[in-house]
């Protein structure tokens, strides 16, 4: 991944991931977080595992991020964009749709 791709990925990631590492960690400890998303073989959901990885990325200095980190950041950006396009009508405050997005670091009700 070249420097331009990294910069674009960084900017998109920072724009879409609107939860702080502390907010995301606290959220990931909740039952609603663990229940949201698709679970493989009764284990941790893909989004929950991604959330843990996002916390690590957010706490890593930009210059210390690896190509693998940037690949995950691109995955996060793609997921959040796709999921936002599927927003249900009405109040989304207590929905699996919102909870799934929050596992990926984006609270649609946040700033």
N, C-alpha and C. Protein backbone atom coordinates (compact mmCIF):
# COMPACT_ATOMS: atom_id res chain seq x y z
N UNK A 1 0.86 -1.17 0.00
CA UNK A 1 0.00 0.00 0.00
C UNK A 1 0.90 1.24 0.00
N UNK A 2 0.70 2.10 -0.97
CA UNK A 2 1.56 3.28 -1.05
C UNK A 2 1.10 4.38 -0.09
N UNK A 3 1.89 5.42 0.01
CA UNK A 3 1.62 6.49 0.95
C UNK A 3 0.29 7.19 0.72
N UNK A 4 -0.08 7.36 -0.54
CA UNK A 4 -1.35 8.02 -0.86
C UNK A 4 -2.53 7.16 -0.40
N UNK A 5 -2.45 5.84 -0.66
CA UNK A 5 -3.51 4.93 -0.22
C UNK A 5 -3.62 4.90 1.31
N UNK A 6 -2.47 4.89 1.97
CA UNK A 6 -2.47 4.91 3.44
C UNK A 6 -3.14 6.18 3.96
N UNK A 7 -2.81 7.32 3.36
CA UNK A 7 -3.37 8.59 3.82
C UNK A 7 -4.89 8.62 3.61
N UNK A 8 -5.35 8.15 2.46
CA UNK A 8 -6.79 8.11 2.19
C UNK A 8 -7.50 7.18 3.18
N UNK A 9 -6.90 6.03 3.42
CA UNK A 9 -7.47 5.07 4.37
C UNK A 9 -7.52 5.67 5.76
N UNK A 10 -6.43 6.30 6.18
CA UNK A 10 -6.36 6.94 7.49
C UNK A 10 -7.48 7.98 7.64
N UNK A 11 -7.63 8.84 6.64
CA UNK A 11 -8.64 9.90 6.71
C UNK A 11 -10.05 9.34 6.77
N UNK A 12 -10.34 8.34 5.93
CA UNK A 12 -11.67 7.72 5.93
C UNK A 12 -11.95 7.04 7.26
N UNK A 13 -10.97 6.31 7.77
CA UNK A 13 -11.11 5.60 9.04
C UNK A 13 -11.38 6.58 10.18
N UNK A 14 -10.58 7.65 10.24
CA UNK A 14 -10.73 8.63 11.32
C UNK A 14 -12.08 9.37 11.24
N UNK A 15 -12.61 9.51 10.02
CA UNK A 15 -13.90 10.17 9.84
C UNK A 15 -15.05 9.26 10.29
N UNK A 16 -14.95 7.98 9.97
CA UNK A 16 -16.06 7.06 10.24
C UNK A 16 -16.02 6.44 11.63
N UNK A 17 -14.85 6.24 12.17
CA UNK A 17 -14.74 5.68 13.53
C UNK A 17 -14.86 6.87 14.48
N UNK A 18 -16.06 7.05 15.03
CA UNK A 18 -16.33 8.24 15.84
C UNK A 18 -16.40 7.93 17.34
N UNK A 19 -15.99 6.73 17.73
CA UNK A 19 -15.94 6.38 19.14
C UNK A 19 -14.48 6.40 19.60
N UNK A 20 -14.24 6.87 20.82
CA UNK A 20 -12.89 6.88 21.37
C UNK A 20 -12.52 5.45 21.77
N UNK A 21 -11.24 5.18 21.95
CA UNK A 21 -10.85 3.84 22.40
C UNK A 21 -11.56 3.46 23.71
N UNK A 22 -11.67 4.39 24.65
CA UNK A 22 -12.32 4.10 25.94
C UNK A 22 -13.81 3.82 25.75
N UNK A 23 -14.48 4.60 24.91
CA UNK A 23 -15.91 4.37 24.65
C UNK A 23 -16.12 3.00 24.01
N UNK A 24 -15.28 2.69 23.04
CA UNK A 24 -15.41 1.42 22.33
C UNK A 24 -15.12 0.24 23.26
N UNK A 25 -14.10 0.35 24.08
CA UNK A 25 -13.79 -0.72 25.04
C UNK A 25 -14.95 -0.96 25.99
N UNK A 26 -15.51 0.11 26.51
CA UNK A 26 -16.65 -0.01 27.44
C UNK A 26 -17.83 -0.67 26.73
N UNK A 27 -18.10 -0.24 25.50
CA UNK A 27 -19.19 -0.81 24.72
C UNK A 27 -18.97 -2.31 24.49
N UNK A 28 -17.75 -2.69 24.13
CA UNK A 28 -17.45 -4.09 23.83
C UNK A 28 -17.65 -5.00 25.03
N UNK A 29 -17.64 -4.45 26.24
CA UNK A 29 -17.87 -5.24 27.45
C UNK A 29 -19.35 -5.50 27.71
N UNK A 30 -20.24 -4.84 26.98
CA UNK A 30 -21.68 -4.96 27.22
C UNK A 30 -22.27 -6.21 26.56
N UNK A 31 -23.38 -6.67 27.12
CA UNK A 31 -24.10 -7.80 26.54
C UNK A 31 -24.64 -7.47 25.15
N UNK A 32 -25.14 -6.22 24.99
CA UNK A 32 -25.67 -5.82 23.67
C UNK A 32 -24.59 -5.92 22.60
N UNK A 33 -23.36 -5.55 22.95
CA UNK A 33 -22.26 -5.65 21.99
C UNK A 33 -21.98 -7.10 21.63
N UNK A 34 -21.91 -7.95 22.63
CA UNK A 34 -21.59 -9.37 22.39
C UNK A 34 -22.69 -10.07 21.60
N UNK A 35 -23.95 -9.60 21.75
CA UNK A 35 -25.07 -10.24 21.07
C UNK A 35 -25.26 -9.77 19.62
N UNK A 36 -24.67 -8.64 19.27
CA UNK A 36 -24.85 -8.08 17.92
C UNK A 36 -23.94 -8.77 16.92
N UNK A 37 -24.40 -8.82 15.69
CA UNK A 37 -23.55 -9.32 14.60
C UNK A 37 -23.66 -10.82 14.39
N UNK A 38 -22.88 -11.29 13.44
CA UNK A 38 -22.89 -12.70 13.07
C UNK A 38 -21.83 -13.44 13.88
N UNK A 39 -22.24 -14.53 14.49
CA UNK A 39 -21.34 -15.34 15.32
C UNK A 39 -20.95 -16.61 14.57
N UNK A 40 -19.67 -16.90 14.60
CA UNK A 40 -19.16 -18.12 13.98
C UNK A 40 -19.06 -19.21 15.04
N UNK A 41 -19.75 -20.31 14.85
CA UNK A 41 -19.67 -21.46 15.76
C UNK A 41 -19.91 -21.08 17.21
N UNK A 42 -20.84 -20.15 17.46
CA UNK A 42 -21.17 -19.76 18.82
C UNK A 42 -20.11 -18.93 19.52
N UNK A 43 -19.07 -18.54 18.81
CA UNK A 43 -17.99 -17.75 19.40
C UNK A 43 -18.24 -16.26 19.25
N UNK A 44 -17.16 -15.51 19.28
CA UNK A 44 -17.23 -14.07 19.18
C UNK A 44 -17.66 -13.64 17.77
N UNK A 45 -18.49 -12.60 17.69
CA UNK A 45 -18.92 -12.11 16.38
C UNK A 45 -17.75 -11.44 15.67
N UNK A 46 -17.84 -11.38 14.35
CA UNK A 46 -16.82 -10.73 13.54
C UNK A 46 -16.66 -9.27 13.95
N UNK A 47 -17.78 -8.58 14.17
CA UNK A 47 -17.73 -7.17 14.54
C UNK A 47 -17.11 -6.94 15.90
N UNK A 48 -17.39 -7.85 16.85
CA UNK A 48 -16.83 -7.71 18.20
C UNK A 48 -15.31 -7.86 18.14
N UNK A 49 -14.84 -8.85 17.40
CA UNK A 49 -13.39 -9.04 17.23
C UNK A 49 -12.78 -7.83 16.53
N UNK A 50 -13.49 -7.29 15.54
CA UNK A 50 -13.00 -6.11 14.84
C UNK A 50 -12.90 -4.93 15.79
N UNK A 51 -13.88 -4.78 16.66
CA UNK A 51 -13.87 -3.69 17.63
C UNK A 51 -12.63 -3.72 18.52
N UNK A 52 -12.24 -4.91 18.95
CA UNK A 52 -11.04 -5.04 19.78
C UNK A 52 -9.81 -4.60 18.98
N UNK A 53 -9.78 -4.97 17.71
CA UNK A 53 -8.67 -4.59 16.84
C UNK A 53 -8.65 -3.08 16.60
N UNK A 54 -9.83 -2.48 16.46
CA UNK A 54 -9.94 -1.04 16.25
C UNK A 54 -9.39 -0.29 17.46
N UNK A 55 -9.68 -0.76 18.66
CA UNK A 55 -9.16 -0.13 19.88
C UNK A 55 -7.63 -0.09 19.81
N UNK A 56 -7.03 -1.21 19.42
CA UNK A 56 -5.57 -1.28 19.32
C UNK A 56 -5.06 -0.30 18.27
N UNK A 57 -5.71 -0.24 17.12
CA UNK A 57 -5.30 0.68 16.05
C UNK A 57 -5.41 2.13 16.52
N UNK A 58 -6.50 2.46 17.20
CA UNK A 58 -6.69 3.83 17.67
C UNK A 58 -5.62 4.25 18.67
N UNK A 59 -5.08 3.28 19.39
CA UNK A 59 -4.06 3.58 20.40
C UNK A 59 -2.64 3.48 19.85
N UNK A 60 -2.52 3.18 18.58
CA UNK A 60 -1.21 3.05 17.94
C UNK A 60 -0.87 4.34 17.21
N UNK A 61 0.37 4.78 17.33
CA UNK A 61 0.80 5.97 16.60
C UNK A 61 0.69 5.70 15.10
N UNK A 62 0.28 6.70 14.37
CA UNK A 62 0.08 6.57 12.92
C UNK A 62 1.32 5.98 12.25
N UNK A 63 2.50 6.44 12.62
CA UNK A 63 3.74 5.96 12.01
C UNK A 63 4.08 4.52 12.33
N UNK A 64 3.43 3.97 13.35
CA UNK A 64 3.70 2.58 13.76
C UNK A 64 2.69 1.58 13.21
N UNK A 65 1.71 2.07 12.42
CA UNK A 65 0.70 1.17 11.86
C UNK A 65 1.30 0.35 10.72
N UNK A 66 0.95 -0.92 10.68
CA UNK A 66 1.45 -1.83 9.65
C UNK A 66 0.51 -1.87 8.44
N UNK A 67 0.97 -2.51 7.37
CA UNK A 67 0.10 -2.71 6.21
C UNK A 67 -1.13 -3.51 6.62
N UNK A 68 -0.97 -4.48 7.51
CA UNK A 68 -2.10 -5.28 7.98
C UNK A 68 -3.10 -4.40 8.73
N UNK A 69 -2.60 -3.46 9.53
CA UNK A 69 -3.49 -2.51 10.22
C UNK A 69 -4.27 -1.70 9.20
N UNK A 70 -3.59 -1.22 8.16
CA UNK A 70 -4.28 -0.44 7.14
C UNK A 70 -5.30 -1.27 6.38
N UNK A 71 -5.01 -2.54 6.15
CA UNK A 71 -5.99 -3.42 5.50
C UNK A 71 -7.23 -3.55 6.37
N UNK A 72 -7.02 -3.69 7.69
CA UNK A 72 -8.17 -3.78 8.58
C UNK A 72 -8.94 -2.46 8.60
N UNK A 73 -8.24 -1.35 8.57
CA UNK A 73 -8.90 -0.04 8.55
C UNK A 73 -9.78 0.09 7.30
N UNK A 74 -9.29 -0.40 6.17
CA UNK A 74 -10.08 -0.37 4.94
C UNK A 74 -11.32 -1.24 5.06
N UNK A 75 -11.17 -2.38 5.71
CA UNK A 75 -12.30 -3.28 5.95
C UNK A 75 -13.36 -2.57 6.81
N UNK A 76 -12.91 -1.86 7.83
CA UNK A 76 -13.81 -1.12 8.72
C UNK A 76 -14.55 -0.05 7.92
N UNK A 77 -13.83 0.71 7.12
CA UNK A 77 -14.44 1.77 6.32
C UNK A 77 -15.50 1.18 5.39
N UNK A 78 -15.19 0.10 4.73
CA UNK A 78 -16.15 -0.53 3.82
C UNK A 78 -17.38 -1.02 4.55
N UNK A 79 -17.18 -1.67 5.70
CA UNK A 79 -18.31 -2.19 6.46
C UNK A 79 -19.21 -1.04 6.93
N UNK A 80 -18.63 -0.02 7.52
CA UNK A 80 -19.42 1.09 8.05
C UNK A 80 -20.20 1.77 6.93
N UNK A 81 -19.57 2.01 5.81
CA UNK A 81 -20.27 2.65 4.68
C UNK A 81 -21.44 1.80 4.19
N UNK A 82 -21.22 0.50 4.03
CA UNK A 82 -22.29 -0.39 3.57
C UNK A 82 -23.43 -0.42 4.58
N UNK A 83 -23.08 -0.53 5.84
CA UNK A 83 -24.09 -0.64 6.89
C UNK A 83 -24.89 0.66 7.03
N UNK A 84 -24.24 1.80 6.92
CA UNK A 84 -24.95 3.08 7.00
C UNK A 84 -25.97 3.21 5.87
N UNK A 85 -25.67 2.66 4.72
CA UNK A 85 -26.58 2.73 3.57
C UNK A 85 -27.84 1.90 3.81
N UNK A 86 -27.81 1.02 4.80
CA UNK A 86 -28.95 0.14 5.10
C UNK A 86 -29.72 0.62 6.34
N UNK A 87 -29.59 1.88 6.68
CA UNK A 87 -30.21 2.41 7.89
C UNK A 87 -31.72 2.14 7.88
N UNK A 88 -32.23 1.54 8.96
CA UNK A 88 -33.67 1.31 9.04
C UNK A 88 -34.41 2.60 9.35
N UNK A 89 -35.70 2.61 9.09
CA UNK A 89 -36.48 3.81 9.41
C UNK A 89 -36.80 3.83 10.90
N UNK A 90 -37.14 5.00 11.37
CA UNK A 90 -37.53 5.14 12.76
C UNK A 90 -36.36 5.34 13.70
N UNK A 91 -36.64 5.20 14.98
CA UNK A 91 -35.65 5.38 16.03
C UNK A 91 -34.70 4.19 16.04
N UNK A 92 -33.41 4.44 15.87
CA UNK A 92 -32.43 3.35 15.80
C UNK A 92 -31.67 3.16 17.12
N UNK A 93 -32.06 3.91 18.15
CA UNK A 93 -31.32 3.91 19.42
C UNK A 93 -31.05 2.50 19.96
N UNK A 94 -32.06 1.66 20.04
CA UNK A 94 -31.89 0.32 20.64
C UNK A 94 -32.07 -0.78 19.60
N UNK A 95 -31.33 -0.66 18.50
CA UNK A 95 -31.46 -1.65 17.43
C UNK A 95 -30.16 -2.43 17.23
N UNK A 96 -30.29 -3.64 16.73
CA UNK A 96 -29.11 -4.44 16.40
C UNK A 96 -28.29 -3.75 15.31
N UNK A 97 -28.97 -3.00 14.44
CA UNK A 97 -28.28 -2.26 13.38
C UNK A 97 -27.26 -1.30 14.00
N UNK A 98 -27.71 -0.50 14.98
CA UNK A 98 -26.81 0.43 15.66
C UNK A 98 -25.74 -0.32 16.43
N UNK A 99 -26.12 -1.36 17.14
CA UNK A 99 -25.16 -2.09 17.97
C UNK A 99 -24.07 -2.72 17.12
N UNK A 100 -24.45 -3.22 15.95
CA UNK A 100 -23.46 -3.80 15.04
C UNK A 100 -22.47 -2.73 14.58
N UNK A 101 -22.97 -1.57 14.21
CA UNK A 101 -22.09 -0.47 13.80
C UNK A 101 -21.16 -0.06 14.94
N UNK A 102 -21.69 -0.02 16.15
CA UNK A 102 -20.87 0.38 17.28
C UNK A 102 -19.73 -0.62 17.52
N UNK A 103 -19.96 -1.90 17.24
CA UNK A 103 -18.88 -2.88 17.35
C UNK A 103 -17.75 -2.54 16.40
N UNK A 104 -18.06 -1.86 15.31
CA UNK A 104 -17.07 -1.46 14.31
C UNK A 104 -16.58 -0.03 14.54
N UNK A 105 -16.89 0.54 15.72
CA UNK A 105 -16.35 1.84 16.10
C UNK A 105 -17.16 3.04 15.66
N UNK A 106 -18.35 2.83 15.09
CA UNK A 106 -19.16 3.95 14.62
C UNK A 106 -20.50 3.96 15.34
N UNK A 107 -20.77 5.03 16.08
CA UNK A 107 -22.08 5.21 16.70
C UNK A 107 -22.86 6.19 15.85
N UNK A 108 -23.92 5.71 15.15
CA UNK A 108 -24.66 6.60 14.27
C UNK A 108 -25.36 7.73 15.03
N UNK A 109 -25.47 7.62 16.33
CA UNK A 109 -26.06 8.69 17.13
C UNK A 109 -25.00 9.58 17.76
N UNK A 110 -23.75 9.24 17.54
CA UNK A 110 -22.64 10.00 18.12
C UNK A 110 -22.18 11.12 17.22
N UNK A 111 -21.17 11.81 17.68
CA UNK A 111 -20.64 12.95 16.91
C UNK A 111 -19.59 12.56 16.04
